[in-house]
Amino acid sequence: DQSDWFLNTEGFIERYWTSDKRILLVMREEQSTDLFETRGVTPVVLAQVSGKLVLTNKGDEKDQ
């Protein structure tokens, strides 16, 4: 069973984004981050390069 390899957005948010682990997410700049903010976790942008964003769910002082 490889269903854990291909999570939908909802599964990713519930299983990883809201967990205690620091997650890095690369997404296109034009995509909305609103869905990730709805779970009480505000994404922190670590980098912005060539129309892509690198986000984390666990920012700290040096990231901001």
PDB file of N, CA and C in Angstrom:
ATOM      1  N   ASP A   1       0.841  -1.190   0.000  1.00  0.00           N
ATOM      2  CA  ASP A   1       0.000   0.000   0.000  1.00  0.00           C
ATOM      3  C   ASP A   1       0.878   1.243   0.000  1.00  0.00           C
ATOM      4  N   GLN A   2       0.797   2.035  -1.033  1.00  0.00           N
ATOM      5  CA  GLN A   2       1.609   3.245  -1.157  1.00  0.00           C
ATOM      6  C   GLN A   2       0.767   4.507  -1.050  1.00  0.00           C
ATOM      7  N   SER A   3      -0.406   4.405  -0.456  1.00  0.00           N
ATOM      8  CA  SER A   3      -1.303   5.559  -0.392  1.00  0.00           C
ATOM      9  C   SER A   3      -0.711   6.712   0.403  1.00  0.00           C
ATOM     10  N   ASP A   4       0.186   6.439   1.357  1.00  0.00           N
ATOM     11  CA  ASP A   4       0.823   7.512   2.129  1.00  0.00           C
ATOM     12  C   ASP A   4       1.794   8.334   1.284  1.00  0.00           C
ATOM     13  N   TRP A   5       2.217   7.826   0.163  1.00  0.00           N
ATOM     14  CA  TRP A   5       3.152   8.550  -0.697  1.00  0.00           C
ATOM     15  C   TRP A   5       2.462   9.669  -1.460  1.00  0.00           C
ATOM     16  N   PHE A   6       1.168   9.540  -1.676  1.00  0.00           N
ATOM     17  CA  PHE A   6       0.433  10.474  -2.526  1.00  0.00           C
ATOM     18  C   PHE A   6      -0.748  11.061  -1.763  1.00  0.00           C
ATOM     19  N   LEU A   7      -0.443  11.912  -0.798  1.00  0.00           N
ATOM     20  CA  LEU A   7      -1.487  12.530   0.010  1.00  0.00           C
ATOM     21  C   LEU A   7      -2.166  13.659  -0.750  1.00  0.00           C
ATOM     22  N   ASN A   8      -3.460  13.810  -0.532  1.00  0.00           N
ATOM     23  CA  ASN A   8      -4.125  15.002  -1.041  1.00  0.00           C
ATOM     24  C   ASN A   8      -3.792  16.152  -0.088  1.00  0.00           C
ATOM     25  N   THR A   9      -4.187  17.359  -0.428  1.00  0.00           N
ATOM     26  CA  THR A   9      -3.834  18.531   0.378  1.00  0.00           C
ATOM     27  C   THR A   9      -4.347  18.399   1.801  1.00  0.00           C
ATOM     28  N   GLU A  10      -5.577  17.966   1.955  1.00  0.00           N
ATOM     29  CA  GLU A  10      -6.173  17.813   3.289  1.00  0.00           C
ATOM     30  C   GLU A  10      -5.380  16.810   4.134  1.00  0.00           C
ATOM     31  N   GLY A  11      -5.003  15.690   3.535  1.00  0.00           N
ATOM     32  CA  GLY A  11      -4.216  14.688   4.247  1.00  0.00           C
ATOM     33  C   GLY A  11      -2.853  15.208   4.647  1.00  0.00           C
ATOM     34  N   PHE A  12      -2.209  15.956   3.752  1.00  0.00           N
ATOM     35  CA  PHE A  12      -0.908  16.549   4.053  1.00  0.00           C
ATOM     36  C   PHE A  12      -1.010  17.502   5.234  1.00  0.00           C
ATOM     37  N   ILE A  13      -2.021  18.371   5.224  1.00  0.00           N
ATOM     38  CA  ILE A  13      -2.183  19.349   6.302  1.00  0.00           C
ATOM     39  C   ILE A  13      -2.419  18.647   7.633  1.00  0.00           C
ATOM     40  N   GLU A  14      -3.334  17.700   7.653  1.00  0.00           N
ATOM     41  CA  GLU A  14      -3.667  17.027   8.908  1.00  0.00           C
ATOM     42  C   GLU A  14      -2.527  16.161   9.431  1.00  0.00           C
ATOM     43  N   ARG A  15      -1.824  15.497   8.543  1.00  0.00           N
ATOM     44  CA  ARG A  15      -0.785  14.558   8.985  1.00  0.00           C
ATOM     45  C   ARG A  15       0.562  15.226   9.252  1.00  0.00           C
ATOM     46  N   TYR A  16       0.930  16.213   8.457  1.00  0.00           N
ATOM     47  CA  TYR A  16       2.269  16.786   8.556  1.00  0.00           C
ATOM     48  C   TYR A  16       2.290  18.262   8.944  1.00  0.00           C
ATOM     49  N   TRP A  17       1.541  19.112   8.241  1.00  0.00           N
ATOM     50  CA  TRP A  17       1.630  20.558   8.423  1.00  0.00           C
ATOM     51  C   TRP A  17       1.309  20.979   9.854  1.00  0.00           C
ATOM     52  N   THR A  18       0.342  20.349  10.484  1.00  0.00           N
ATOM     53  CA  THR A  18      -0.050  20.710  11.848  1.00  0.00           C
ATOM     54  C   THR A  18       0.662  19.865  12.904  1.00  0.00           C
ATOM     55  N   SER A  19       1.623  19.057  12.502  1.00  0.00           N
ATOM     56  CA  SER A  19       2.356  18.210  13.449  1.00  0.00           C
ATOM     57  C   SER A  19       3.427  19.020  14.177  1.00  0.00           C
ATOM     58  N   ASP A  20       4.111  18.371  15.105  1.00  0.00           N
ATOM     59  CA  ASP A  20       5.195  19.014  15.852  1.00  0.00           C
ATOM     60  C   ASP A  20       6.494  19.071  15.053  1.00  0.00           C
ATOM     61  N   LYS A  21       6.535  18.398  13.911  1.00  0.00           N
ATOM     62  CA  LYS A  21       7.746  18.379  13.086  1.00  0.00           C
ATOM     63  C   LYS A  21       7.812  19.613  12.198  1.00  0.00           C
ATOM     64  N   ARG A  22       9.026  20.076  11.929  1.00  0.00           N
ATOM     65  CA  ARG A  22       9.212  21.193  11.006  1.00  0.00           C
ATOM     66  C   ARG A  22       9.137  20.658   9.581  1.00  0.00           C
ATOM     67  N   ILE A  23       8.246  21.232   8.806  1.00  0.00           N
ATOM     68  CA  ILE A  23       8.014  20.804   7.432  1.00  0.00           C
ATOM     69  C   ILE A  23       8.425  21.931   6.492  1.00  0.00           C
ATOM     70  N   LEU A  24       9.106  21.582   5.418  1.00  0.00           N
ATOM     71  CA  LEU A  24       9.429  22.536   4.358  1.00  0.00           C
ATOM     72  C   LEU A  24       8.545  22.217   3.165  1.00  0.00           C
ATOM     73  N   LEU A  25       8.007  23.252   2.561  1.00  0.00           N
ATOM     74  CA  LEU A  25       7.088  23.094   1.442  1.00  0.00           C
ATOM     75  C   LEU A  25       7.516  24.046   0.333  1.00  0.00           C
ATOM     76  N   VAL A  26       7.684  23.509  -0.868  1.00  0.00           N
ATOM     77  CA  VAL A  26       8.003  24.332  -2.037  1.00  0.00           C
ATOM     78  C   VAL A  26       6.737  24.416  -2.880  1.00  0.00           C
ATOM     79  N   MET A  27       6.340  25.634  -3.196  1.00  0.00           N
ATOM     80  CA  MET A  27       5.136  25.812  -4.002  1.00  0.00           C
ATOM     81  C   MET A  27       5.291  27.001  -4.936  1.00  0.00           C
ATOM     82  N   ARG A  28       4.464  27.040  -5.963  1.00  0.00           N
ATOM     83  CA  ARG A  28       4.490  28.163  -6.889  1.00  0.00           C
ATOM     84  C   ARG A  28       3.993  29.415  -6.185  1.00  0.00           C
ATOM     85  N   GLU A  29       4.599  30.531  -6.515  1.00  0.00           N
ATOM     86  CA  GLU A  29       4.273  31.802  -5.883  1.00  0.00           C
ATOM     87  C   GLU A  29       2.802  32.188  -6.076  1.00  0.00           C
ATOM     88  N   GLU A  30       2.231  31.842  -7.224  1.00  0.00           N
ATOM     89  CA  GLU A  30       0.850  32.237  -7.490  1.00  0.00           C
ATOM     90  C   GLU A  30      -0.181  31.396  -6.735  1.00  0.00           C
ATOM     91  N   GLN A  31       0.245  30.286  -6.130  1.00  0.00           N
ATOM     92  CA  GLN A  31      -0.677  29.474  -5.347  1.00  0.00           C
ATOM     93  C   GLN A  31      -0.966  30.159  -4.015  1.00  0.00           C
ATOM     94  N   SER A  32      -2.163  30.005  -3.546  1.00  0.00           N
ATOM     95  CA  SER A  32      -2.565  30.646  -2.297  1.00  0.00           C
ATOM     96  C   SER A  32      -2.103  29.827  -1.096  1.00  0.00           C
ATOM     97  N   THR A  33      -1.638  30.513  -0.068  1.00  0.00           N
ATOM     98  CA  THR A  33      -1.255  29.846   1.182  1.00  0.00           C
ATOM     99  C   THR A  33      -2.401  29.870   2.184  1.00  0.00           C
ATOM    100  N   ASP A  34      -3.573  30.384   1.781  1.00  0.00           N
ATOM    101  CA  ASP A  34      -4.712  30.505   2.695  1.00  0.00           C
ATOM    102  C   ASP A  34      -5.094  29.179   3.333  1.00  0.00           C
ATOM    103  N   LEU A  35      -5.077  28.113   2.556  1.00  0.00           N
ATOM    104  CA  LEU A  35      -5.473  26.812   3.086  1.00  0.00           C
ATOM    105  C   LEU A  35      -4.582  26.395   4.246  1.00  0.00           C
ATOM    106  N   PHE A  36      -3.294  26.710   4.168  1.00  0.00           N
ATOM    107  CA  PHE A  36      -2.367  26.336   5.229  1.00  0.00           C
ATOM    108  C   PHE A  36      -2.562  27.189   6.476  1.00  0.00           C
ATOM    109  N   GLU A  37      -3.082  28.399   6.322  1.00  0.00           N
ATOM    110  CA  GLU A  37      -3.320  29.288   7.454  1.00  0.00           C
ATOM    111  C   GLU A  37      -4.595  28.943   8.204  1.00  0.00           C
ATOM    112  N   THR A  38      -5.495  28.212   7.605  1.00  0.00           N
ATOM    113  CA  THR A  38      -6.784  27.934   8.226  1.00  0.00           C
ATOM    114  C   THR A  38      -6.686  26.955   9.381  1.00  0.00           C
ATOM    115  N   ARG A  39      -5.583  26.319   9.563  1.00  0.00           N
ATOM    116  CA  ARG A  39      -5.428  25.309  10.618  1.00  0.00           C
ATOM    117  C   ARG A  39      -4.685  25.841  11.830  1.00  0.00           C
ATOM    118  N   GLY A  40      -4.576  27.150  11.951  1.00  0.00           N
ATOM    119  CA  GLY A  40      -3.903  27.728  13.108  1.00  0.00           C
ATOM    120  C   GLY A  40      -2.395  27.774  12.980  1.00  0.00           C
ATOM    121  N   VAL A  41      -1.882  27.426  11.819  1.00  0.00           N
ATOM    122  CA  VAL A  41      -0.444  27.469  11.578  1.00  0.00           C
ATOM    123  C   VAL A  41      -0.206  28.476  10.459  1.00  0.00           C
ATOM    124  N   THR A  42       0.478  29.555  10.779  1.00  0.00           N
ATOM    125  CA  THR A  42       0.768  30.563   9.765  1.00  0.00           C
ATOM    126  C   THR A  42       2.077  30.213   9.073  1.00  0.00           C
ATOM    127  N   PRO A  43       2.062  30.010   7.762  1.00  0.00           N
ATOM    128  CA  PRO A  43       3.288  29.671   7.051  1.00  0.00           C
ATOM    129  C   PRO A  43       4.306  30.805   7.124  1.00  0.00           C
ATOM    130  N   VAL A  44       5.571  30.433   7.235  1.00  0.00           N
ATOM    131  CA  VAL A  44       6.670  31.393   7.233  1.00  0.00           C
ATOM    132  C   VAL A  44       7.433  31.198   5.929  1.00  0.00           C
ATOM    133  N   VAL A  45       7.593  32.265   5.161  1.00  0.00           N
ATOM    134  CA  VAL A  45       8.335  32.199   3.900  1.00  0.00           C
ATOM    135  C   VAL A  45       9.823  32.266   4.219  1.00  0.00           C
ATOM    136  N   LEU A  46      10.552  31.220   3.846  1.00  0.00           N
ATOM    137  CA  LEU A  46      11.999  31.167   4.072  1.00  0.00           C
ATOM    138  C   LEU A  46      12.775  31.684   2.873  1.00  0.00           C
ATOM    139  N   ALA A  47      12.217  31.470   1.672  1.00  0.00           N
ATOM    140  CA  ALA A  47      12.909  31.901   0.453  1.00  0.00           C
ATOM    141  C   ALA A  47      11.889  32.110  -0.658  1.00  0.00           C
ATOM    142  N   GLN A  48      12.273  32.964  -1.590  1.00  0.00           N
ATOM    143  CA  GLN A  48      11.458  33.239  -2.765  1.00  0.00           C
ATOM    144  C   GLN A  48      12.412  33.340  -3.950  1.00  0.00           C
ATOM    145  N   VAL A  49      12.333  32.346  -4.852  1.00  0.00           N
ATOM    146  CA  VAL A  49      13.256  32.278  -5.973  1.00  0.00           C
ATOM    147  C   VAL A  49      12.508  31.830  -7.226  1.00  0.00           C
ATOM    148  N   SER A  50      12.681  32.562  -8.302  1.00  0.00           N
ATOM    149  CA  SER A  50      12.150  32.183  -9.621  1.00  0.00           C
ATOM    150  C   SER A  50      10.685  31.762  -9.581  1.00  0.00           C
ATOM    151  N   GLY A  51       9.851  32.531  -8.914  1.00  0.00           N
ATOM    152  CA  GLY A  51       8.433  32.230  -8.873  1.00  0.00           C
ATOM    153  C   GLY A  51       8.043  31.107  -7.940  1.00  0.00           C
ATOM    154  N   LYS A  52       8.972  30.648  -7.126  1.00  0.00           N
ATOM    155  CA  LYS A  52       8.705  29.585  -6.157  1.00  0.00           C
ATOM    156  C   LYS A  52       8.887  30.127  -4.743  1.00  0.00           C
ATOM    157  N   LEU A  53       8.131  29.568  -3.808  1.00  0.00           N
ATOM    158  CA  LEU A  53       8.267  29.912  -2.394  1.00  0.00           C
ATOM    159  C   LEU A  53       8.693  28.679  -1.624  1.00  0.00           C
ATOM    160  N   VAL A  54       9.544  28.866  -0.644  1.00  0.00           N
ATOM    161  CA  VAL A  54       9.865  27.813   0.314  1.00  0.00           C
ATOM    162  C   VAL A  54       9.241  28.257   1.628  1.00  0.00           C
ATOM    163  N   LEU A  55       8.307  27.450   2.117  1.00  0.00           N
ATOM    164  CA  LEU A  55       7.578  27.759   3.340  1.00  0.00           C
ATOM    165  C   LEU A  55       7.901  26.746   4.419  1.00  0.00           C
ATOM    166  N   THR A  56       7.711  27.141   5.665  1.00  0.00           N
ATOM    167  CA  THR A  56       7.800  26.208   6.773  1.00  0.00           C
ATOM    168  C   THR A  56       6.620  26.435   7.699  1.00  0.00           C
ATOM    169  N   ASN A  57       6.280  25.409   8.435  1.00  0.00           N
ATOM    170  CA  ASN A  57       5.208  25.508   9.419  1.00  0.00           C
ATOM    171  C   ASN A  57       5.739  25.887  10.797  1.00  0.00           C
ATOM    172  N   LYS A  58       7.037  25.846  10.987  1.00  0.00           N
ATOM    173  CA  LYS A  58       7.652  26.122  12.289  1.00  0.00           C
ATOM    174  C   LYS A  58       8.745  27.161  12.132  1.00  0.00           C
ATOM    175  N   GLY A  59       8.376  28.420  12.032  1.00  0.00           N
ATOM    176  CA  GLY A  59       9.373  29.474  11.929  1.00  0.00           C
ATOM    177  C   GLY A  59       9.978  29.764  13.293  1.00  0.00           C
ATOM    178  N   ASP A  60      11.160  30.349  13.299  1.00  0.00           N
ATOM    179  CA  ASP A  60      11.747  30.826  14.546  1.00  0.00           C
ATOM    180  C   ASP A  60      12.327  32.211  14.307  1.00  0.00           C
ATOM    181  N   GLU A  61      12.883  32.811  15.326  1.00  0.00           N
ATOM    182  CA  GLU A  61      13.330  34.201  15.247  1.00  0.00           C
ATOM    183  C   GLU A  61      14.306  34.456  14.104  1.00  0.00           C
ATOM    184  N   LYS A  62      15.241  33.554  13.857  1.00  0.00           N
ATOM    185  CA  LYS A  62      16.239  33.797  12.815  1.00  0.00           C
ATOM    186  C   LYS A  62      15.652  33.693  11.409  1.00  0.00           C
ATOM    187  N   ASP A  63      14.497  33.039  11.251  1.00  0.00           N
ATOM    188  CA  ASP A  63      13.851  32.915   9.946  1.00  0.00           C
ATOM    189  C   ASP A  63      13.121  34.186   9.549  1.00  0.00           C
ATOM    190  N   GLN A  64      12.731  34.994  10.511  1.00  0.00           N
ATOM    191  CA  GLN A  64      11.849  36.125  10.226  1.00  0.00           C
ATOM    192  C   GLN A  64      12.578  37.422  10.125  1.00  0.00           C
TER     193      GLN A  64
END
